[in-house]
Amino acid sequence: MERGKLVERASPPVWDDYRSGSAITTRWNDNDPYGHVNNAVYYLWFDSAVNRYLIEQGALDIKASKVIGLVVNTSCDYFAPITFPDDVEVRIRVGKLGNSSVTYGVGLFRGEEKTASAAGSFTHVYVDRETRRPVALPAPLRSVLEAICV
């Protein structure tokens, strides 16, 4: 990047860009001294929403699944603040589905807003629980992920 040159920001995604979601409520301790939810909390919401979806769809048993997803990459763009006491809808989609990996897109929507306050992505590489070596996505997991592909 050239010095003094502005970086173009992406436009925030909208509700319909995602395929599934779950509701959360901010907590008092989510806010930082600047009066909004701290950025680290957003990543907790990303991980929780995806794993909740996988568990609810029967594709993940956190105690017994032989194949588990390990996060290898994350990112987030922030468009508008989220604060306590906001209700937030965490919307998810699959942007890229590989042989042993998946990249999720996640949008955070405050209240009834249809434009994301924040949007991010993270990548899971699926591995054997014991050896931690990458494995092909099991068919039931792949099917659940294909259902939210864009």
N, C-alpha and C. Protein backbone atom coordinates (compact mmCIF):
# COMPACT_ATOMS: atom_id res chain seq x y z
N MET A 1 0.83 -1.17 0.00
CA MET A 1 0.00 0.00 0.00
C MET A 1 0.88 1.24 0.00
N GLU A 2 0.55 2.18 -0.84
CA GLU A 2 1.29 3.43 -0.88
C GLU A 2 0.98 4.25 0.36
N ARG A 3 1.99 4.92 0.84
CA ARG A 3 1.82 5.77 2.01
C ARG A 3 0.81 6.87 1.69
N GLY A 4 -0.11 7.08 2.61
CA GLY A 4 -1.11 8.13 2.46
C GLY A 4 -2.30 7.74 1.61
N LYS A 5 -2.29 6.55 1.04
CA LYS A 5 -3.39 6.12 0.18
C LYS A 5 -4.41 5.36 1.04
N LEU A 6 -5.67 5.70 0.88
CA LEU A 6 -6.73 5.06 1.65
C LEU A 6 -7.04 3.68 1.10
N VAL A 7 -7.35 2.77 2.02
CA VAL A 7 -7.77 1.42 1.65
C VAL A 7 -9.29 1.44 1.51
N GLU A 8 -9.80 0.91 0.41
CA GLU A 8 -11.23 0.85 0.21
C GLU A 8 -11.83 -0.22 1.10
N ARG A 9 -12.88 0.15 1.82
CA ARG A 9 -13.57 -0.80 2.69
C ARG A 9 -14.66 -1.53 1.92
N ALA A 10 -14.85 -2.77 2.27
CA ALA A 10 -15.94 -3.54 1.69
C ALA A 10 -17.27 -3.01 2.22
N SER A 11 -18.31 -3.17 1.44
CA SER A 11 -19.65 -2.82 1.90
C SER A 11 -20.13 -3.90 2.86
N PRO A 12 -20.91 -3.52 3.86
CA PRO A 12 -21.40 -4.55 4.78
C PRO A 12 -22.39 -5.48 4.08
N PRO A 13 -22.32 -6.76 4.39
CA PRO A 13 -23.28 -7.70 3.82
C PRO A 13 -24.67 -7.49 4.43
N VAL A 14 -25.65 -8.12 3.82
CA VAL A 14 -27.03 -8.02 4.30
C VAL A 14 -27.53 -9.39 4.74
N TRP A 15 -28.62 -9.36 5.48
CA TRP A 15 -29.22 -10.56 6.09
C TRP A 15 -29.33 -11.72 5.11
N ASP A 16 -29.83 -11.45 3.92
CA ASP A 16 -30.09 -12.53 2.95
C ASP A 16 -28.83 -13.13 2.33
N ASP A 17 -27.65 -12.58 2.66
CA ASP A 17 -26.39 -13.15 2.19
C ASP A 17 -26.03 -14.42 2.96
N TYR A 18 -26.78 -14.73 4.01
CA TYR A 18 -26.47 -15.86 4.89
C TYR A 18 -27.60 -16.88 4.87
N ARG A 19 -27.32 -18.10 5.31
CA ARG A 19 -28.27 -19.20 5.19
C ARG A 19 -28.87 -19.70 6.51
N SER A 20 -28.25 -19.41 7.63
CA SER A 20 -28.73 -19.90 8.92
C SER A 20 -28.29 -18.91 9.99
N GLY A 21 -28.87 -19.05 11.18
CA GLY A 21 -28.47 -18.13 12.23
C GLY A 21 -28.97 -18.54 13.60
N SER A 22 -28.45 -17.84 14.59
CA SER A 22 -28.89 -18.04 15.96
C SER A 22 -28.79 -16.72 16.71
N ALA A 23 -29.65 -16.57 17.70
CA ALA A 23 -29.72 -15.34 18.47
C ALA A 23 -28.81 -15.41 19.69
N ILE A 24 -28.21 -14.27 20.01
CA ILE A 24 -27.45 -14.12 21.25
C ILE A 24 -27.82 -12.78 21.86
N THR A 25 -27.52 -12.61 23.12
CA THR A 25 -27.72 -11.34 23.79
C THR A 25 -26.37 -10.92 24.37
N THR A 26 -26.01 -9.67 24.15
CA THR A 26 -24.75 -9.20 24.71
C THR A 26 -24.84 -9.22 26.24
N ARG A 27 -23.67 -9.31 26.84
CA ARG A 27 -23.57 -9.32 28.30
C ARG A 27 -22.90 -8.02 28.75
N TRP A 28 -23.12 -7.63 29.96
CA TRP A 28 -22.52 -6.42 30.53
C TRP A 28 -21.01 -6.41 30.33
N ASN A 29 -20.36 -7.52 30.59
CA ASN A 29 -18.89 -7.56 30.51
C ASN A 29 -18.35 -7.69 29.09
N ASP A 30 -19.23 -7.74 28.07
CA ASP A 30 -18.76 -7.76 26.68
C ASP A 30 -18.25 -6.39 26.26
N ASN A 31 -18.80 -5.32 26.87
CA ASN A 31 -18.38 -3.97 26.51
C ASN A 31 -16.97 -3.69 27.01
N ASP A 32 -16.23 -2.91 26.23
CA ASP A 32 -14.90 -2.49 26.67
C ASP A 32 -14.98 -1.03 27.14
N PRO A 33 -13.87 -0.45 27.57
CA PRO A 33 -13.90 0.93 28.08
C PRO A 33 -14.35 1.97 27.04
N TYR A 34 -14.36 1.61 25.77
CA TYR A 34 -14.78 2.54 24.73
C TYR A 34 -16.30 2.52 24.51
N GLY A 35 -17.02 1.68 25.26
CA GLY A 35 -18.47 1.68 25.21
C GLY A 35 -19.10 0.80 24.16
N HIS A 36 -18.34 -0.12 23.59
CA HIS A 36 -18.91 -1.07 22.64
C HIS A 36 -18.31 -2.45 22.91
N VAL A 37 -18.92 -3.46 22.29
CA VAL A 37 -18.43 -4.83 22.49
C VAL A 37 -16.99 -4.93 21.98
N ASN A 38 -16.15 -5.53 22.79
CA ASN A 38 -14.74 -5.69 22.42
C ASN A 38 -14.60 -6.65 21.24
N ASN A 39 -13.66 -6.35 20.37
CA ASN A 39 -13.50 -7.14 19.14
C ASN A 39 -13.26 -8.62 19.39
N ALA A 40 -12.61 -8.98 20.46
CA ALA A 40 -12.35 -10.40 20.73
C ALA A 40 -13.63 -11.18 20.94
N VAL A 41 -14.67 -10.53 21.45
CA VAL A 41 -15.95 -11.19 21.71
C VAL A 41 -16.59 -11.64 20.40
N TYR A 42 -16.40 -10.86 19.34
CA TYR A 42 -16.98 -11.21 18.04
C TYR A 42 -16.52 -12.60 17.60
N TYR A 43 -15.25 -12.92 17.83
CA TYR A 43 -14.73 -14.22 17.42
C TYR A 43 -15.34 -15.35 18.24
N LEU A 44 -15.65 -15.09 19.50
CA LEU A 44 -16.36 -16.09 20.31
C LEU A 44 -17.74 -16.37 19.72
N TRP A 45 -18.41 -15.31 19.27
CA TRP A 45 -19.74 -15.47 18.67
C TRP A 45 -19.65 -16.25 17.36
N PHE A 46 -18.64 -15.97 16.56
CA PHE A 46 -18.46 -16.71 15.29
C PHE A 46 -18.37 -18.20 15.57
N ASP A 47 -17.46 -18.56 16.46
CA ASP A 47 -17.20 -19.96 16.78
C ASP A 47 -18.44 -20.62 17.37
N SER A 48 -19.11 -19.92 18.27
CA SER A 48 -20.30 -20.48 18.91
C SER A 48 -21.42 -20.72 17.90
N ALA A 49 -21.65 -19.79 16.99
CA ALA A 49 -22.74 -19.93 16.02
C ALA A 49 -22.49 -21.11 15.09
N VAL A 50 -21.27 -21.24 14.60
CA VAL A 50 -20.97 -22.35 13.69
C VAL A 50 -21.09 -23.68 14.41
N ASN A 51 -20.49 -23.79 15.59
CA ASN A 51 -20.55 -25.06 16.31
C ASN A 51 -21.96 -25.39 16.77
N ARG A 52 -22.74 -24.38 17.12
CA ARG A 52 -24.14 -24.62 17.47
C ARG A 52 -24.88 -25.21 16.28
N TYR A 53 -24.68 -24.62 15.10
CA TYR A 53 -25.32 -25.14 13.89
C TYR A 53 -24.93 -26.60 13.66
N LEU A 54 -23.65 -26.91 13.75
CA LEU A 54 -23.18 -28.27 13.50
C LEU A 54 -23.75 -29.26 14.52
N ILE A 55 -23.83 -28.84 15.78
CA ILE A 55 -24.38 -29.70 16.82
C ILE A 55 -25.88 -29.92 16.59
N GLU A 56 -26.61 -28.83 16.32
CA GLU A 56 -28.06 -28.94 16.10
C GLU A 56 -28.40 -29.79 14.89
N GLN A 57 -27.51 -29.79 13.89
CA GLN A 57 -27.75 -30.58 12.68
C GLN A 57 -27.27 -32.02 12.82
N GLY A 58 -26.70 -32.37 13.97
CA GLY A 58 -26.23 -33.72 14.22
C GLY A 58 -24.90 -34.05 13.55
N ALA A 59 -24.17 -33.02 13.12
CA ALA A 59 -22.90 -33.24 12.43
C ALA A 59 -21.69 -33.17 13.36
N LEU A 60 -21.91 -32.77 14.61
CA LEU A 60 -20.80 -32.65 15.55
C LEU A 60 -21.26 -33.08 16.94
N ASP A 61 -20.50 -33.99 17.52
CA ASP A 61 -20.66 -34.36 18.93
C ASP A 61 -19.36 -33.92 19.59
N ILE A 62 -19.41 -32.85 20.36
CA ILE A 62 -18.16 -32.26 20.87
C ILE A 62 -17.35 -33.21 21.76
N LYS A 63 -17.99 -34.22 22.30
CA LYS A 63 -17.26 -35.17 23.15
C LYS A 63 -16.83 -36.42 22.42
N ALA A 64 -17.54 -36.81 21.34
CA ALA A 64 -17.27 -38.12 20.75
C ALA A 64 -16.94 -38.14 19.26
N SER A 65 -17.16 -37.04 18.56
CA SER A 65 -16.87 -37.07 17.11
C SER A 65 -15.41 -37.43 16.87
N LYS A 66 -15.20 -38.34 15.91
CA LYS A 66 -13.83 -38.75 15.58
C LYS A 66 -13.12 -37.70 14.74
N VAL A 67 -13.91 -36.84 14.07
CA VAL A 67 -13.37 -35.77 13.24
C VAL A 67 -13.81 -34.44 13.86
N ILE A 68 -12.83 -33.54 14.06
CA ILE A 68 -13.12 -32.23 14.65
C ILE A 68 -12.52 -31.13 13.78
N GLY A 69 -13.09 -29.94 13.89
CA GLY A 69 -12.59 -28.80 13.13
C GLY A 69 -11.69 -27.94 13.98
N LEU A 70 -10.50 -27.62 13.45
CA LEU A 70 -9.58 -26.71 14.12
C LEU A 70 -9.52 -25.42 13.32
N VAL A 71 -9.63 -24.30 14.01
CA VAL A 71 -9.59 -23.00 13.35
C VAL A 71 -8.15 -22.70 12.94
N VAL A 72 -7.97 -22.36 11.66
CA VAL A 72 -6.63 -22.03 11.15
C VAL A 72 -6.52 -20.61 10.63
N ASN A 73 -7.68 -19.92 10.48
CA ASN A 73 -7.65 -18.56 9.97
C ASN A 73 -8.93 -17.85 10.37
N THR A 74 -8.81 -16.56 10.74
CA THR A 74 -9.98 -15.76 11.06
C THR A 74 -9.78 -14.33 10.57
N SER A 75 -10.90 -13.65 10.33
CA SER A 75 -10.85 -12.22 10.00
C SER A 75 -12.20 -11.61 10.33
N CYS A 76 -12.22 -10.28 10.50
CA CYS A 76 -13.47 -9.59 10.77
C CYS A 76 -13.36 -8.15 10.31
N ASP A 77 -14.43 -7.67 9.68
CA ASP A 77 -14.57 -6.26 9.32
C ASP A 77 -15.70 -5.70 10.18
N TYR A 78 -15.47 -4.52 10.73
CA TYR A 78 -16.43 -3.88 11.64
C TYR A 78 -17.06 -2.69 10.94
N PHE A 79 -18.39 -2.62 10.94
CA PHE A 79 -19.11 -1.56 10.23
C PHE A 79 -19.87 -0.63 11.17
N ALA A 80 -20.42 -1.16 12.25
CA ALA A 80 -21.19 -0.36 13.20
C ALA A 80 -21.05 -1.01 14.58
N PRO A 81 -21.08 -0.21 15.64
CA PRO A 81 -20.87 -0.78 16.98
C PRO A 81 -22.05 -1.63 17.44
N ILE A 82 -21.71 -2.62 18.24
CA ILE A 82 -22.67 -3.42 18.98
C ILE A 82 -22.36 -3.15 20.44
N THR A 83 -23.40 -2.96 21.26
CA THR A 83 -23.18 -2.62 22.67
C THR A 83 -24.11 -3.44 23.55
N PHE A 84 -23.87 -3.37 24.85
CA PHE A 84 -24.81 -3.93 25.82
C PHE A 84 -25.90 -2.91 26.04
N PRO A 85 -27.15 -3.27 26.05
CA PRO A 85 -27.78 -4.58 25.98
C PRO A 85 -28.42 -4.85 24.61
N ASP A 86 -27.66 -5.16 23.62
CA ASP A 86 -28.19 -5.45 22.28
C ASP A 86 -28.50 -6.94 22.12
N ASP A 87 -29.55 -7.20 21.35
CA ASP A 87 -29.80 -8.55 20.87
C ASP A 87 -29.11 -8.64 19.51
N VAL A 88 -28.48 -9.77 19.24
CA VAL A 88 -27.69 -9.93 18.02
C VAL A 88 -28.07 -11.26 17.37
N GLU A 89 -28.25 -11.23 16.06
CA GLU A 89 -28.44 -12.45 15.28
C GLU A 89 -27.11 -12.73 14.60
N VAL A 90 -26.56 -13.92 14.85
CA VAL A 90 -25.32 -14.34 14.21
C VAL A 90 -25.71 -15.22 13.04
N ARG A 91 -25.48 -14.73 11.82
CA ARG A 91 -25.87 -15.44 10.60
C ARG A 91 -24.64 -16.10 10.00
N ILE A 92 -24.79 -17.31 9.47
CA ILE A 92 -23.65 -18.04 8.93
C ILE A 92 -23.93 -18.55 7.52
N ARG A 93 -22.85 -18.85 6.83
CA ARG A 93 -22.89 -19.46 5.50
C ARG A 93 -21.56 -20.15 5.29
N VAL A 94 -21.51 -20.99 4.27
CA VAL A 94 -20.24 -21.59 3.85
C VAL A 94 -19.86 -20.92 2.55
N GLY A 95 -18.67 -20.33 2.52
CA GLY A 95 -18.18 -19.67 1.31
C GLY A 95 -17.32 -20.56 0.46
N LYS A 96 -16.62 -21.50 1.11
CA LYS A 96 -15.74 -22.40 0.37
C LYS A 96 -15.71 -23.74 1.08
N LEU A 97 -15.95 -24.78 0.32
CA LEU A 97 -15.96 -26.13 0.86
C LEU A 97 -14.91 -26.96 0.15
N GLY A 98 -13.90 -27.38 0.89
CA GLY A 98 -12.83 -28.18 0.31
C GLY A 98 -12.95 -29.64 0.70
N ASN A 99 -11.88 -30.40 0.48
CA ASN A 99 -11.85 -31.81 0.84
C ASN A 99 -11.79 -32.00 2.35
N SER A 100 -10.94 -31.21 3.03
CA SER A 100 -10.80 -31.34 4.48
C SER A 100 -10.99 -30.01 5.20
N SER A 101 -11.39 -28.98 4.47
CA SER A 101 -11.54 -27.67 5.10
C SER A 101 -12.82 -26.98 4.65
N VAL A 102 -13.22 -26.02 5.43
CA VAL A 102 -14.40 -25.21 5.11
C VAL A 102 -14.13 -23.79 5.61
N THR A 103 -14.50 -22.81 4.78
CA THR A 103 -14.42 -21.42 5.18
C THR A 103 -15.83 -20.90 5.36
N TYR A 104 -16.12 -20.48 6.56
CA TYR A 104 -17.42 -19.95 6.93
C TYR A 104 -17.42 -18.44 6.79
N GLY A 105 -18.56 -17.89 6.39
CA GLY A 105 -18.80 -16.47 6.48
C GLY A 105 -19.78 -16.25 7.62
N VAL A 106 -19.54 -15.19 8.39
CA VAL A 106 -20.39 -14.91 9.54
C VAL A 106 -20.75 -13.43 9.53
N GLY A 107 -22.03 -13.14 9.72
CA GLY A 107 -22.50 -11.75 9.82
C GLY A 107 -23.17 -11.54 11.16
N LEU A 108 -22.90 -10.40 11.78
CA LEU A 108 -23.52 -10.04 13.06
C LEU A 108 -24.52 -8.91 12.81
N PHE A 109 -25.78 -9.15 13.17
CA PHE A 109 -26.85 -8.21 12.91
C PHE A 109 -27.48 -7.77 14.24
N ARG A 110 -27.44 -6.48 14.50
CA ARG A 110 -27.94 -5.93 15.75
C ARG A 110 -29.44 -5.70 15.66
N GLY A 111 -30.17 -6.19 16.66
CA GLY A 111 -31.61 -5.98 16.72
C GLY A 111 -32.31 -6.47 15.47
N GLU A 112 -33.12 -5.60 14.87
CA GLU A 112 -33.87 -5.94 13.66
C GLU A 112 -33.16 -5.48 12.39
N GLU A 113 -31.93 -4.99 12.52
CA GLU A 113 -31.22 -4.46 11.35
C GLU A 113 -30.95 -5.56 10.34
N LYS A 114 -31.02 -5.22 9.06
CA LYS A 114 -30.80 -6.18 7.98
C LYS A 114 -29.45 -5.97 7.30
N THR A 115 -28.67 -5.00 7.78
CA THR A 115 -27.30 -4.78 7.32
C THR A 115 -26.36 -5.14 8.46
N ALA A 116 -25.32 -5.88 8.18
CA ALA A 116 -24.43 -6.39 9.21
C ALA A 116 -23.67 -5.27 9.92
N SER A 117 -23.56 -5.39 11.23
CA SER A 117 -22.70 -4.51 12.02
C SER A 117 -21.25 -4.95 11.91
N ALA A 118 -21.06 -6.25 11.68
CA ALA A 118 -19.72 -6.81 11.48
C ALA A 118 -19.86 -8.06 10.62
N ALA A 119 -18.80 -8.36 9.88
CA ALA A 119 -18.80 -9.56 9.04
C ALA A 119 -17.40 -10.15 9.05
N GLY A 120 -17.34 -11.45 9.15
CA GLY A 120 -16.04 -12.09 9.19
C GLY A 120 -16.06 -13.45 8.55
N SER A 121 -14.93 -14.08 8.66
CA SER A 121 -14.81 -15.45 8.16
C SER A 121 -13.84 -16.20 9.05
N PHE A 122 -13.98 -17.49 9.03
CA PHE A 122 -12.94 -18.33 9.63
C PHE A 122 -12.94 -19.67 8.95
N THR A 123 -11.78 -20.28 8.98
CA THR A 123 -11.58 -21.55 8.30
C THR A 123 -11.31 -22.65 9.31
N HIS A 124 -12.06 -23.72 9.18
CA HIS A 124 -11.82 -24.96 9.93
C HIS A 124 -11.09 -25.93 9.02
N VAL A 125 -10.06 -26.56 9.51
CA VAL A 125 -9.49 -27.74 8.87
C VAL A 125 -9.94 -28.92 9.73
N TYR A 126 -10.56 -29.88 9.09
CA TYR A 126 -11.06 -31.04 9.82
C TYR A 126 -9.97 -32.08 9.94
N VAL A 127 -9.81 -32.56 11.19
CA VAL A 127 -8.72 -33.48 11.51
C VAL A 127 -9.26 -34.65 12.32
N ASP A 128 -8.49 -35.73 12.33
CA ASP A 128 -8.77 -36.85 13.21
C ASP A 128 -8.53 -36.37 14.64
N ARG A 129 -9.48 -36.61 15.52
CA ARG A 129 -9.37 -36.14 16.91
C ARG A 129 -8.08 -36.62 17.59
N GLU A 130 -7.68 -37.85 17.33
CA GLU A 130 -6.50 -38.42 18.00
C GLU A 130 -5.18 -37.98 17.37
N THR A 131 -5.07 -38.09 16.05
CA THR A 131 -3.78 -37.83 15.39
C THR A 131 -3.59 -36.37 15.03
N ARG A 132 -4.69 -35.61 14.96
CA ARG A 132 -4.67 -34.19 14.55
C ARG A 132 -4.20 -34.02 13.11
N ARG A 133 -4.32 -35.07 12.30
CA ARG A 133 -3.98 -35.02 10.88
C ARG A 133 -5.24 -34.75 10.07
N PRO A 134 -5.15 -33.93 9.02
CA PRO A 134 -6.32 -33.63 8.19
C PRO A 134 -6.95 -34.89 7.61
N VAL A 135 -8.28 -34.87 7.55
CA VAL A 135 -9.05 -35.97 6.98
C VAL A 135 -10.14 -35.39 6.08
N ALA A 136 -10.63 -36.21 5.17
CA ALA A 136 -11.74 -35.79 4.32
C ALA A 136 -12.98 -35.57 5.19
N LEU A 137 -13.79 -34.60 4.79
CA LEU A 137 -15.03 -34.34 5.52
C LEU A 137 -15.94 -35.56 5.44
N PRO A 138 -16.42 -36.05 6.58
CA PRO A 138 -17.37 -37.16 6.54
C PRO A 138 -18.64 -36.74 5.79
N ALA A 139 -19.27 -37.68 5.11
CA ALA A 139 -20.46 -37.38 4.29
C ALA A 139 -21.56 -36.64 5.06
N PRO A 140 -21.90 -37.03 6.29
CA PRO A 140 -22.96 -36.30 7.01
C PRO A 140 -22.57 -34.83 7.27
N LEU A 141 -21.32 -34.59 7.59
CA LEU A 141 -20.85 -33.22 7.81
C LEU A 141 -20.89 -32.43 6.51
N ARG A 142 -20.39 -33.03 5.44
CA ARG A 142 -20.40 -32.35 4.13
C ARG A 142 -21.82 -31.97 3.73
N SER A 143 -22.77 -32.85 3.96
CA SER A 143 -24.17 -32.58 3.61
C SER A 143 -24.72 -31.37 4.38
N VAL A 144 -24.42 -31.29 5.66
CA VAL A 144 -24.87 -30.19 6.51
C VAL A 144 -24.22 -28.87 6.05
N LEU A 145 -22.96 -28.94 5.64
CA LEU A 145 -22.26 -27.75 5.18
C LEU A 145 -22.77 -27.31 3.81
N GLU A 146 -23.04 -28.27 2.94
CA GLU A 146 -23.58 -27.93 1.60
C GLU A 146 -24.92 -27.21 1.70
N ALA A 147 -25.68 -27.50 2.76
CA ALA A 147 -26.99 -26.88 2.94
C ALA A 147 -26.90 -25.37 3.16
N ILE A 148 -25.73 -24.88 3.61
CA ILE A 148 -25.60 -23.43 3.85
C ILE A 148 -24.53 -22.79 2.94
N CYS A 149 -24.18 -23.49 1.86
CA CYS A 149 -23.21 -22.95 0.89
C CYS A 149 -23.86 -21.82 0.09
N VAL A 150 -23.02 -20.85 -0.25
CA VAL A 150 -23.47 -19.78 -1.15
C VAL A 150 -22.69 -19.86 -2.43
